[in-house]
Amino acid sequence: MKQMVLAITLLAVPAYGAAEQTQKPFQYNGSGYAYFDAGVCQHGYRLIGGGGGAEGFIWRGLSLGADAGYHGFSDGLRFGLASLDLGYHFVDRTKPKKIDPFVNFSVVGAAVHCGVCRAGHFGGGFNYWFKDRVGLRTEVRLNAIGGEEAIVTFHIGFSFR
């Protein structure tokens, strides 16, 4: 019986080492996210909404992504919003970290409500990764939509990679 346990152990140890060596090293290539947001415009109207997006790294921490959502002001105005975003994450993409701070802004954006109007944003925040692939995303944005030049929103949601 001892010889059988010893033989199984000797066969299992190299297999365990080989399985560990074939595991891919960590590489952060991008992420997706979904969020709820709330904010206020310069006229005092409250804004709530939600949306999501995705981004991929194009060089070091530089990312290119897209974002879309549906929002509404407290005065009853509802609108869809979409943007193409450029961002930067202050991380080493080869080493997993819990905190992933970033900044982003829209390169091109549009709001849809009885027609299409220009839109844009500048923002920043961080992802807090609970696990390698699931995290909490928080962000503050300064938005401009059509004639509204100052809409400040706070986003909270989930990230996944």
N, C-alpha and C. Protein backbone atom coordinates (compact mmCIF):
# COMPACT_ATOMS: atom_id res chain seq x y z
N MET A 1 0.82 -1.19 0.00
CA MET A 1 0.00 0.00 0.00
C MET A 1 0.87 1.26 0.00
N LYS A 2 1.97 1.25 0.79
CA LYS A 2 2.86 2.41 0.83
C LYS A 2 3.48 2.67 -0.53
N GLN A 3 3.81 1.57 -1.24
CA GLN A 3 4.42 1.74 -2.56
C GLN A 3 3.44 2.36 -3.56
N MET A 4 2.15 2.04 -3.45
CA MET A 4 1.15 2.60 -4.34
C MET A 4 0.98 4.10 -4.08
N VAL A 5 0.92 4.50 -2.81
CA VAL A 5 0.81 5.93 -2.45
C VAL A 5 2.04 6.68 -2.94
N LEU A 6 3.22 6.09 -2.77
CA LEU A 6 4.46 6.72 -3.22
C LEU A 6 4.47 6.86 -4.75
N ALA A 7 4.02 5.86 -5.47
CA ALA A 7 3.99 5.90 -6.94
C ALA A 7 3.01 6.98 -7.43
N ILE A 8 1.84 7.07 -6.81
CA ILE A 8 0.85 8.09 -7.19
C ILE A 8 1.39 9.49 -6.91
N THR A 9 2.04 9.66 -5.77
CA THR A 9 2.64 10.95 -5.40
C THR A 9 3.71 11.35 -6.39
N LEU A 10 4.58 10.42 -6.76
CA LEU A 10 5.65 10.71 -7.70
C LEU A 10 5.11 11.06 -9.09
N LEU A 11 4.00 10.48 -9.48
CA LEU A 11 3.40 10.79 -10.77
C LEU A 11 2.63 12.12 -10.73
N ALA A 12 2.03 12.45 -9.59
CA ALA A 12 1.21 13.66 -9.47
C ALA A 12 2.05 14.93 -9.36
N VAL A 13 3.19 14.89 -8.72
CA VAL A 13 4.00 16.10 -8.51
C VAL A 13 4.45 16.71 -9.84
N PRO A 14 5.02 15.95 -10.78
CA PRO A 14 5.39 16.57 -12.06
C PRO A 14 4.18 17.10 -12.84
N ALA A 15 3.04 16.41 -12.77
CA ALA A 15 1.83 16.87 -13.46
C ALA A 15 1.36 18.19 -12.89
N TYR A 16 1.42 18.36 -11.56
CA TYR A 16 1.04 19.61 -10.91
C TYR A 16 1.96 20.74 -11.35
N GLY A 17 3.25 20.48 -11.42
CA GLY A 17 4.21 21.50 -11.87
C GLY A 17 3.99 21.88 -13.32
N ALA A 18 3.69 20.92 -14.17
CA ALA A 18 3.45 21.21 -15.58
C ALA A 18 2.18 22.02 -15.76
N ALA A 19 1.13 21.72 -15.00
CA ALA A 19 -0.11 22.47 -15.08
C ALA A 19 0.10 23.91 -14.64
N GLU A 20 0.91 24.12 -13.64
CA GLU A 20 1.18 25.46 -13.15
C GLU A 20 1.99 26.27 -14.16
N GLN A 21 2.89 25.64 -14.89
CA GLN A 21 3.71 26.33 -15.87
C GLN A 21 2.92 26.72 -17.11
N THR A 22 1.88 25.99 -17.47
CA THR A 22 1.12 26.30 -18.67
C THR A 22 0.10 27.41 -18.45
N GLN A 23 -0.12 27.84 -17.23
CA GLN A 23 -1.05 28.92 -16.95
C GLN A 23 -0.50 30.22 -17.55
N LYS A 24 -1.35 30.95 -18.27
CA LYS A 24 -0.92 32.20 -18.90
C LYS A 24 -0.61 33.25 -17.85
N PRO A 25 0.40 34.07 -18.08
CA PRO A 25 0.68 35.17 -17.16
C PRO A 25 -0.42 36.23 -17.25
N PHE A 26 -0.61 37.00 -16.21
CA PHE A 26 -1.62 38.04 -16.17
C PHE A 26 -1.34 39.10 -17.22
N GLN A 27 -2.36 39.49 -17.97
CA GLN A 27 -2.23 40.57 -18.94
C GLN A 27 -3.56 41.32 -18.97
N TYR A 28 -3.57 42.58 -18.60
CA TYR A 28 -4.76 43.44 -18.58
C TYR A 28 -4.88 44.09 -19.95
N ASN A 29 -5.82 43.62 -20.78
CA ASN A 29 -5.96 44.10 -22.14
C ASN A 29 -7.12 45.07 -22.35
N GLY A 30 -8.00 45.16 -21.37
CA GLY A 30 -9.15 46.04 -21.49
C GLY A 30 -10.23 45.61 -20.53
N SER A 31 -11.36 46.33 -20.57
CA SER A 31 -12.45 45.99 -19.66
C SER A 31 -13.77 46.48 -20.22
N GLY A 32 -14.83 45.93 -19.69
CA GLY A 32 -16.19 46.37 -19.97
C GLY A 32 -16.78 46.86 -18.67
N TYR A 33 -17.86 47.61 -18.75
CA TYR A 33 -18.47 48.13 -17.53
C TYR A 33 -19.94 48.48 -17.75
N ALA A 34 -20.67 48.47 -16.67
CA ALA A 34 -22.07 48.91 -16.63
C ALA A 34 -22.19 49.83 -15.43
N TYR A 35 -22.98 50.90 -15.55
CA TYR A 35 -23.06 51.87 -14.46
C TYR A 35 -24.44 52.49 -14.31
N PHE A 36 -24.66 53.03 -13.15
CA PHE A 36 -25.78 53.91 -12.83
C PHE A 36 -25.16 55.26 -12.56
N ASP A 37 -25.80 56.35 -13.02
CA ASP A 37 -25.24 57.66 -12.75
C ASP A 37 -26.30 58.62 -12.24
N ALA A 38 -25.82 59.61 -11.52
CA ALA A 38 -26.67 60.68 -11.00
C ALA A 38 -25.86 61.96 -11.04
N GLY A 39 -26.55 63.08 -11.27
CA GLY A 39 -25.83 64.34 -11.35
C GLY A 39 -26.76 65.52 -11.36
N VAL A 40 -26.19 66.66 -11.74
CA VAL A 40 -26.94 67.91 -11.77
C VAL A 40 -26.34 68.81 -12.86
N CYS A 41 -27.20 69.60 -13.51
CA CYS A 41 -26.71 70.54 -14.53
C CYS A 41 -26.56 71.93 -13.92
N GLN A 42 -26.03 72.88 -14.71
CA GLN A 42 -25.78 74.22 -14.18
C GLN A 42 -27.09 74.96 -13.85
N HIS A 43 -28.24 74.48 -14.36
CA HIS A 43 -29.53 75.11 -14.05
C HIS A 43 -30.19 74.50 -12.82
N GLY A 44 -29.55 73.49 -12.23
CA GLY A 44 -30.08 72.89 -11.02
C GLY A 44 -30.96 71.67 -11.23
N TYR A 45 -31.17 71.24 -12.47
CA TYR A 45 -31.98 70.04 -12.71
C TYR A 45 -31.15 68.79 -12.39
N ARG A 46 -31.80 67.85 -11.71
CA ARG A 46 -31.13 66.58 -11.41
C ARG A 46 -31.15 65.68 -12.65
N LEU A 47 -30.17 64.82 -12.73
CA LEU A 47 -30.05 63.89 -13.85
C LEU A 47 -29.81 62.50 -13.28
N ILE A 48 -30.50 61.50 -13.81
CA ILE A 48 -30.22 60.11 -13.47
C ILE A 48 -30.22 59.29 -14.76
N GLY A 49 -29.53 58.18 -14.73
CA GLY A 49 -29.49 57.33 -15.91
C GLY A 49 -28.60 56.13 -15.69
N GLY A 50 -28.27 55.51 -16.77
CA GLY A 50 -27.41 54.34 -16.71
C GLY A 50 -26.87 54.02 -18.09
N GLY A 51 -25.90 53.16 -18.12
CA GLY A 51 -25.31 52.80 -19.40
C GLY A 51 -24.19 51.81 -19.22
N GLY A 52 -23.35 51.75 -20.22
CA GLY A 52 -22.23 50.83 -20.18
C GLY A 52 -21.28 51.11 -21.32
N GLY A 53 -20.20 50.38 -21.33
CA GLY A 53 -19.22 50.57 -22.37
C GLY A 53 -18.11 49.54 -22.27
N ALA A 54 -17.12 49.74 -23.09
CA ALA A 54 -15.96 48.87 -23.11
C ALA A 54 -14.76 49.67 -23.59
N GLU A 55 -13.58 49.22 -23.19
CA GLU A 55 -12.35 49.87 -23.63
C GLU A 55 -11.25 48.83 -23.75
N GLY A 56 -10.37 49.08 -24.69
CA GLY A 56 -9.22 48.21 -24.90
C GLY A 56 -7.96 49.05 -24.93
N PHE A 57 -6.87 48.46 -24.47
CA PHE A 57 -5.60 49.20 -24.45
C PHE A 57 -4.96 49.18 -25.83
N ILE A 58 -4.46 50.34 -26.24
CA ILE A 58 -3.80 50.43 -27.54
C ILE A 58 -2.29 50.65 -27.40
N TRP A 59 -1.84 51.15 -26.27
CA TRP A 59 -0.41 51.32 -26.01
C TRP A 59 -0.24 51.65 -24.54
N ARG A 60 0.55 50.85 -23.83
CA ARG A 60 0.76 51.01 -22.39
C ARG A 60 -0.57 51.20 -21.68
N GLY A 61 -0.80 52.33 -21.00
CA GLY A 61 -2.06 52.57 -20.31
C GLY A 61 -3.10 53.30 -21.14
N LEU A 62 -2.76 53.66 -22.39
CA LEU A 62 -3.67 54.40 -23.27
C LEU A 62 -4.77 53.47 -23.77
N SER A 63 -6.02 53.91 -23.62
CA SER A 63 -7.15 53.07 -24.02
C SER A 63 -8.06 53.80 -24.98
N LEU A 64 -8.75 53.01 -25.79
CA LEU A 64 -9.76 53.50 -26.72
C LEU A 64 -11.03 52.71 -26.42
N GLY A 65 -12.15 53.42 -26.29
CA GLY A 65 -13.38 52.73 -25.93
C GLY A 65 -14.62 53.42 -26.45
N ALA A 66 -15.76 52.85 -26.12
CA ALA A 66 -17.06 53.40 -26.49
C ALA A 66 -17.98 53.29 -25.28
N ASP A 67 -18.90 54.25 -25.19
CA ASP A 67 -19.80 54.33 -24.04
C ASP A 67 -21.19 54.72 -24.57
N ALA A 68 -22.25 54.13 -24.03
CA ALA A 68 -23.61 54.48 -24.41
C ALA A 68 -24.51 54.37 -23.19
N GLY A 69 -25.51 55.24 -23.13
CA GLY A 69 -26.42 55.22 -22.00
C GLY A 69 -27.72 55.94 -22.29
N TYR A 70 -28.63 55.84 -21.34
CA TYR A 70 -29.92 56.52 -21.43
C TYR A 70 -30.09 57.30 -20.13
N HIS A 71 -30.45 58.58 -20.25
CA HIS A 71 -30.48 59.48 -19.10
C HIS A 71 -31.73 60.34 -19.13
N GLY A 72 -32.04 60.92 -17.98
CA GLY A 72 -33.18 61.81 -17.92
C GLY A 72 -32.99 62.89 -16.87
N PHE A 73 -33.47 64.09 -17.20
CA PHE A 73 -33.45 65.20 -16.25
C PHE A 73 -34.73 65.20 -15.43
N SER A 74 -34.72 65.85 -14.28
CA SER A 74 -35.88 65.92 -13.40
C SER A 74 -37.03 66.72 -14.03
N ASP A 75 -36.77 67.52 -15.08
CA ASP A 75 -37.84 68.26 -15.75
C ASP A 75 -38.56 67.41 -16.79
N GLY A 76 -38.17 66.15 -16.96
CA GLY A 76 -38.84 65.24 -17.88
C GLY A 76 -38.10 64.97 -19.18
N LEU A 77 -37.07 65.72 -19.51
CA LEU A 77 -36.31 65.49 -20.74
C LEU A 77 -35.51 64.19 -20.63
N ARG A 78 -35.68 63.29 -21.59
CA ARG A 78 -34.96 62.02 -21.65
C ARG A 78 -34.13 61.99 -22.93
N PHE A 79 -32.96 61.35 -22.87
CA PHE A 79 -32.12 61.31 -24.06
C PHE A 79 -31.15 60.14 -24.00
N GLY A 80 -30.73 59.69 -25.16
CA GLY A 80 -29.68 58.69 -25.29
C GLY A 80 -28.36 59.40 -25.53
N LEU A 81 -27.29 58.79 -25.11
CA LEU A 81 -25.97 59.40 -25.22
C LEU A 81 -24.98 58.34 -25.65
N ALA A 82 -24.13 58.65 -26.62
CA ALA A 82 -23.10 57.71 -27.07
C ALA A 82 -21.81 58.48 -27.33
N SER A 83 -20.68 57.84 -27.05
CA SER A 83 -19.40 58.51 -27.28
C SER A 83 -18.29 57.51 -27.57
N LEU A 84 -17.30 58.00 -28.27
CA LEU A 84 -16.05 57.30 -28.52
C LEU A 84 -15.04 57.95 -27.59
N ASP A 85 -14.38 57.18 -26.74
CA ASP A 85 -13.56 57.73 -25.67
C ASP A 85 -12.09 57.36 -25.79
N LEU A 86 -11.25 58.26 -25.32
CA LEU A 86 -9.83 58.03 -25.19
C LEU A 86 -9.50 58.17 -23.71
N GLY A 87 -8.71 57.26 -23.17
CA GLY A 87 -8.42 57.30 -21.74
C GLY A 87 -7.01 56.86 -21.43
N TYR A 88 -6.66 56.99 -20.17
CA TYR A 88 -5.36 56.50 -19.70
C TYR A 88 -5.55 55.89 -18.32
N HIS A 89 -5.06 54.65 -18.16
CA HIS A 89 -5.08 53.94 -16.88
C HIS A 89 -3.67 53.96 -16.31
N PHE A 90 -3.55 54.32 -15.06
CA PHE A 90 -2.25 54.43 -14.39
C PHE A 90 -1.90 53.09 -13.72
N VAL A 91 -1.65 52.07 -14.55
CA VAL A 91 -1.38 50.71 -14.05
C VAL A 91 -0.27 50.07 -14.87
N ASP A 92 0.33 49.04 -14.28
CA ASP A 92 1.22 48.14 -15.01
C ASP A 92 0.33 46.99 -15.47
N ARG A 93 0.12 46.87 -16.77
CA ARG A 93 -0.83 45.90 -17.30
C ARG A 93 -0.41 44.45 -17.11
N THR A 94 0.83 44.19 -16.67
CA THR A 94 1.28 42.82 -16.48
C THR A 94 1.21 42.37 -15.03
N LYS A 95 0.85 43.27 -14.11
CA LYS A 95 0.77 42.92 -12.69
C LYS A 95 -0.61 43.27 -12.15
N PRO A 96 -1.34 42.28 -11.62
CA PRO A 96 -2.67 42.58 -11.10
C PRO A 96 -2.59 43.47 -9.86
N LYS A 97 -3.39 44.52 -9.85
CA LYS A 97 -3.49 45.43 -8.70
C LYS A 97 -4.97 45.59 -8.35
N LYS A 98 -5.24 45.90 -7.10
CA LYS A 98 -6.62 46.10 -6.65
C LYS A 98 -7.19 47.41 -7.17
N ILE A 99 -6.39 48.47 -7.17
CA ILE A 99 -6.85 49.80 -7.58
C ILE A 99 -6.32 50.13 -8.97
N ASP A 100 -7.20 50.58 -9.85
CA ASP A 100 -6.87 50.91 -11.23
C ASP A 100 -7.40 52.32 -11.53
N PRO A 101 -6.63 53.39 -11.22
CA PRO A 101 -7.10 54.75 -11.49
C PRO A 101 -7.01 55.08 -12.99
N PHE A 102 -7.93 55.95 -13.45
CA PHE A 102 -7.95 56.31 -14.86
C PHE A 102 -8.53 57.71 -15.06
N VAL A 103 -8.25 58.26 -16.22
CA VAL A 103 -8.90 59.48 -16.72
C VAL A 103 -9.38 59.17 -18.13
N ASN A 104 -10.44 59.87 -18.57
CA ASN A 104 -10.90 59.69 -19.94
C ASN A 104 -11.64 60.92 -20.42
N PHE A 105 -11.76 61.03 -21.73
CA PHE A 105 -12.57 62.07 -22.33
C PHE A 105 -13.12 61.57 -23.64
N SER A 106 -14.22 62.18 -24.07
CA SER A 106 -14.81 61.72 -25.33
C SER A 106 -14.16 62.45 -26.49
N VAL A 107 -13.83 61.67 -27.49
CA VAL A 107 -13.27 62.19 -28.72
C VAL A 107 -14.42 62.67 -29.61
N VAL A 108 -15.47 61.88 -29.69
CA VAL A 108 -16.67 62.19 -30.45
C VAL A 108 -17.85 61.72 -29.62
N GLY A 109 -18.89 62.54 -29.50
CA GLY A 109 -20.06 62.13 -28.75
C GLY A 109 -21.32 62.73 -29.34
N ALA A 110 -22.45 62.07 -29.11
CA ALA A 110 -23.73 62.56 -29.62
C ALA A 110 -24.83 62.21 -28.63
N ALA A 111 -25.79 63.12 -28.49
CA ALA A 111 -26.98 62.89 -27.70
C ALA A 111 -28.16 62.86 -28.64
N VAL A 112 -29.12 61.98 -28.40
CA VAL A 112 -30.27 61.84 -29.27
C VAL A 112 -31.54 62.13 -28.48
N HIS A 113 -32.23 63.21 -28.91
CA HIS A 113 -33.55 63.57 -28.39
C HIS A 113 -34.13 64.54 -29.41
N CYS A 114 -35.09 64.10 -30.16
CA CYS A 114 -35.67 64.92 -31.23
C CYS A 114 -34.57 65.44 -32.16
N GLY A 115 -33.67 64.62 -32.53
CA GLY A 115 -32.54 65.01 -33.37
C GLY A 115 -31.24 64.63 -32.69
N VAL A 116 -30.14 64.96 -33.33
CA VAL A 116 -28.82 64.62 -32.79
C VAL A 116 -28.08 65.91 -32.48
N CYS A 117 -27.45 65.97 -31.32
CA CYS A 117 -26.64 67.13 -30.98
C CYS A 117 -25.28 66.66 -30.46
N ARG A 118 -24.32 67.57 -30.49
CA ARG A 118 -22.97 67.23 -30.02
C ARG A 118 -22.98 67.01 -28.51
N ALA A 119 -22.07 66.15 -28.09
CA ALA A 119 -21.92 65.87 -26.67
C ALA A 119 -20.47 65.50 -26.40
N GLY A 120 -20.04 65.69 -25.18
CA GLY A 120 -18.69 65.32 -24.81
C GLY A 120 -18.54 65.26 -23.30
N HIS A 121 -17.45 64.70 -22.84
CA HIS A 121 -17.20 64.63 -21.40
C HIS A 121 -15.70 64.54 -21.13
N PHE A 122 -15.37 64.87 -19.90
CA PHE A 122 -14.02 64.67 -19.35
C PHE A 122 -14.25 64.11 -17.96
N GLY A 123 -13.52 63.05 -17.60
CA GLY A 123 -13.75 62.45 -16.30
C GLY A 123 -12.58 61.64 -15.80
N GLY A 124 -12.77 61.11 -14.63
CA GLY A 124 -11.76 60.27 -14.02
C GLY A 124 -12.35 59.48 -12.88
N GLY A 125 -11.67 58.42 -12.51
CA GLY A 125 -12.14 57.58 -11.42
C GLY A 125 -11.21 56.41 -11.22
N PHE A 126 -11.76 55.32 -10.72
CA PHE A 126 -10.95 54.12 -10.52
C PHE A 126 -11.82 52.88 -10.54
N ASN A 127 -11.18 51.78 -10.89
CA ASN A 127 -11.76 50.45 -10.74
C ASN A 127 -11.14 49.84 -9.49
N TYR A 128 -11.97 49.22 -8.66
CA TYR A 128 -11.46 48.45 -7.53
C TYR A 128 -11.78 46.99 -7.84
N TRP A 129 -10.74 46.20 -8.11
CA TRP A 129 -10.92 44.81 -8.54
C TRP A 129 -11.06 43.90 -7.33
N PHE A 130 -12.28 43.36 -7.12
CA PHE A 130 -12.52 42.39 -6.05
C PHE A 130 -11.78 41.09 -6.34
N LYS A 131 -11.85 40.68 -7.57
CA LYS A 131 -11.18 39.47 -8.06
C LYS A 131 -10.46 39.87 -9.33
N ASP A 132 -9.75 38.92 -9.96
CA ASP A 132 -9.02 39.23 -11.18
C ASP A 132 -9.91 39.80 -12.28
N ARG A 133 -11.16 39.38 -12.35
CA ARG A 133 -12.02 39.75 -13.47
C ARG A 133 -13.26 40.56 -13.11
N VAL A 134 -13.54 40.82 -11.85
CA VAL A 134 -14.74 41.53 -11.44
C VAL A 134 -14.38 42.67 -10.49
N GLY A 135 -14.93 43.86 -10.75
CA GLY A 135 -14.60 44.99 -9.90
C GLY A 135 -15.71 46.01 -9.80
N LEU A 136 -15.49 46.98 -8.95
CA LEU A 136 -16.38 48.13 -8.76
C LEU A 136 -15.79 49.30 -9.53
N ARG A 137 -16.61 50.00 -10.29
CA ARG A 137 -16.13 51.16 -11.06
C ARG A 137 -16.80 52.41 -10.53
N THR A 138 -16.01 53.43 -10.22
CA THR A 138 -16.53 54.74 -9.83
C THR A 138 -15.88 55.78 -10.73
N GLU A 139 -16.66 56.81 -11.03
CA GLU A 139 -16.14 57.84 -11.93
C GLU A 139 -16.93 59.12 -11.72
N VAL A 140 -16.26 60.26 -11.89
CA VAL A 140 -16.90 61.56 -11.92
C VAL A 140 -16.64 62.15 -13.29
N ARG A 141 -17.71 62.68 -13.91
CA ARG A 141 -17.58 63.26 -15.25
C ARG A 141 -18.15 64.68 -15.29
N LEU A 142 -17.52 65.50 -16.10
CA LEU A 142 -18.04 66.81 -16.46
C LEU A 142 -18.50 66.67 -17.91
N ASN A 143 -19.80 66.81 -18.14
CA ASN A 143 -20.40 66.58 -19.45
C ASN A 143 -20.86 67.88 -20.09
N ALA A 144 -20.86 67.92 -21.40
CA ALA A 144 -21.45 69.00 -22.18
C ALA A 144 -22.34 68.34 -23.23
N ILE A 145 -23.61 68.72 -23.22
CA ILE A 145 -24.57 68.13 -24.14
C ILE A 145 -25.39 69.26 -24.76
N GLY A 146 -25.24 69.46 -26.06
CA GLY A 146 -25.97 70.52 -26.73
C GLY A 146 -25.70 71.86 -26.07
N GLY A 147 -26.74 72.53 -25.58
CA GLY A 147 -26.62 73.83 -24.92
C GLY A 147 -26.25 73.74 -23.45
N GLU A 148 -26.24 72.54 -22.89
CA GLU A 148 -25.87 72.37 -21.48
C GLU A 148 -24.37 72.18 -21.38
N GLU A 149 -23.67 73.19 -20.87
CA GLU A 149 -22.21 73.13 -20.83
C GLU A 149 -21.64 72.49 -19.57
N ALA A 150 -22.42 72.41 -18.51
CA ALA A 150 -21.86 71.91 -17.26
C ALA A 150 -22.83 70.96 -16.56
N ILE A 151 -22.69 69.69 -16.88
CA ILE A 151 -23.46 68.65 -16.20
C ILE A 151 -22.45 67.76 -15.49
N VAL A 152 -22.51 67.75 -14.19
CA VAL A 152 -21.59 66.93 -13.39
C VAL A 152 -22.33 65.66 -12.99
N THR A 153 -21.72 64.51 -13.30
CA THR A 153 -22.33 63.23 -12.94
C THR A 153 -21.35 62.35 -12.18
N PHE A 154 -21.90 61.54 -11.31
CA PHE A 154 -21.15 60.53 -10.56
C PHE A 154 -21.65 59.16 -11.02
N HIS A 155 -20.73 58.31 -11.45
CA HIS A 155 -21.06 56.97 -11.94
C HIS A 155 -20.59 55.93 -10.93
N ILE A 156 -21.42 54.92 -10.73
CA ILE A 156 -21.01 53.77 -9.93
C ILE A 156 -21.57 52.52 -10.61
N GLY A 157 -20.74 51.50 -10.69
CA GLY A 157 -21.17 50.28 -11.37
C GLY A 157 -20.15 49.17 -11.25
N PHE A 158 -20.24 48.22 -12.17
CA PHE A 158 -19.36 47.06 -12.17
C PHE A 158 -18.44 47.08 -13.38
N SER A 159 -17.22 46.59 -13.20
CA SER A 159 -16.26 46.40 -14.28
C SER A 159 -15.98 44.91 -14.41
N PHE A 160 -15.64 44.51 -15.58
CA PHE A 160 -15.23 43.12 -15.80
C PHE A 160 -14.18 43.09 -16.89
N ARG A 161 -13.23 42.16 -16.76
CA ARG A 161 -12.17 42.04 -17.74
C ARG A 161 -11.89 40.59 -18.05
